[in-house]
């Protein structure tokens, strides 16, 4: 998926998610393996309240790939501050 389409897919309607996901796509996504990129795409298929719970550590995904991508997002968001 090209960068413009991926950025469009990252638009969530929650400003914080838009910023987090867009920055992640710009700064981290290009270095991911194909498998890790697929995990990110899986994450984008989830509903916003579920993603929010994962990001704020109120729950965690059952899938190891989703756990990894959530941790990567949490780590990268600390670097954006």
Protein backbone atom coordinates (compact mmCIF):
# COMPACT_ATOMS: atom_id res chain seq x y z
CA UNK A 1 0.00 0.00 0.00
CA UNK A 2 1.42 3.37 -0.94
CA UNK A 3 2.05 6.02 1.71
CA UNK A 4 -0.83 8.32 0.71
CA UNK A 5 -3.39 5.50 0.91
CA UNK A 6 -1.97 4.30 4.20
CA UNK A 7 -2.11 7.80 5.71
CA UNK A 8 -5.72 8.09 4.55
CA UNK A 9 -6.47 4.75 6.21
CA UNK A 10 -4.92 6.07 9.44
CA UNK A 11 -7.55 8.83 9.66
CA UNK A 12 -9.74 7.81 12.56
CA UNK A 13 -11.79 10.81 13.61
CA UNK A 14 -9.92 10.98 16.91
CA UNK A 15 -7.27 13.65 16.54
CA UNK A 16 -4.77 11.93 18.83
CA UNK A 17 -5.02 8.72 16.80
CA UNK A 18 -4.65 10.66 13.56
CA UNK A 19 -1.45 12.26 14.82
CA UNK A 20 -0.05 9.08 16.39
CA UNK A 21 -0.73 6.86 13.39
CA UNK A 22 0.38 9.41 10.79
CA UNK A 23 3.66 10.07 12.59
CA UNK A 24 4.18 6.34 12.99
CA UNK A 25 3.65 5.81 9.25
CA UNK A 26 6.08 8.61 8.44
CA UNK A 27 8.81 7.68 10.92
CA UNK A 28 8.60 3.99 11.81
CA UNK A 29 6.55 2.13 9.20
CA UNK A 30 9.16 2.16 6.40
CA UNK A 31 11.60 0.17 8.57
CA UNK A 32 9.09 -2.55 9.51
CA UNK A 33 9.22 -6.03 8.04
CA UNK A 34 6.34 -7.15 5.83
CA UNK A 35 4.95 -9.19 8.73
CA UNK A 36 5.10 -6.19 11.08
CA UNK A 37 3.40 -4.02 8.46
CA UNK A 38 0.60 -6.59 8.31
CA UNK A 39 0.22 -6.31 12.10
CA UNK A 40 -0.20 -2.56 11.70
CA UNK A 41 -2.84 -3.11 9.04
CA UNK A 42 -4.62 -5.53 11.40
CA UNK A 43 -4.57 -2.84 14.07
CA UNK A 44 -6.20 -0.36 11.71
CA UNK A 45 -9.04 -2.86 11.25
CA UNK A 46 -9.86 -2.70 14.98
CA UNK A 47 -12.41 -0.35 16.51
CA UNK A 48 -11.13 2.85 18.12
CA UNK A 49 -12.33 2.08 21.69
CA UNK A 50 -10.46 -1.23 21.60
CA UNK A 51 -7.27 0.42 20.32
CA UNK A 52 -7.59 3.10 23.00
CA UNK A 53 -7.85 0.45 25.73
CA UNK A 54 -4.74 -1.25 24.38
CA UNK A 55 -2.74 1.97 24.10
CA UNK A 56 -3.70 3.04 27.63
CA UNK A 57 -2.98 -0.46 28.97
CA UNK A 58 -6.53 -1.08 30.18
CA UNK A 59 -6.42 -4.35 28.27
CA UNK A 60 -4.16 -6.03 25.76
CA UNK A 61 -4.64 -7.82 22.48
CA UNK A 62 -4.59 -11.60 22.45
CA UNK A 63 -2.61 -11.67 19.22
CA UNK A 64 1.17 -11.44 19.69
CA UNK A 65 1.60 -9.38 16.52
CA UNK A 66 -0.94 -6.82 17.72
CA UNK A 67 0.78 -6.73 21.12
CA UNK A 68 4.06 -5.98 19.37
CA UNK A 69 2.64 -3.18 17.23
CA UNK A 70 0.89 -1.61 20.24
CA UNK A 71 4.18 -1.63 22.16
CA UNK A 72 5.94 -0.11 19.14
CA UNK A 73 3.30 2.64 18.94
CA UNK A 74 3.63 3.34 22.66
CA UNK A 75 7.41 3.57 22.39
CA UNK A 76 7.34 5.73 19.28
CA UNK A 77 4.74 8.07 20.79
CA UNK A 78 7.12 8.74 23.68
CA UNK A 79 9.74 9.81 21.13
CA UNK A 80 7.29 12.25 19.50
CA UNK A 81 6.71 14.21 22.71
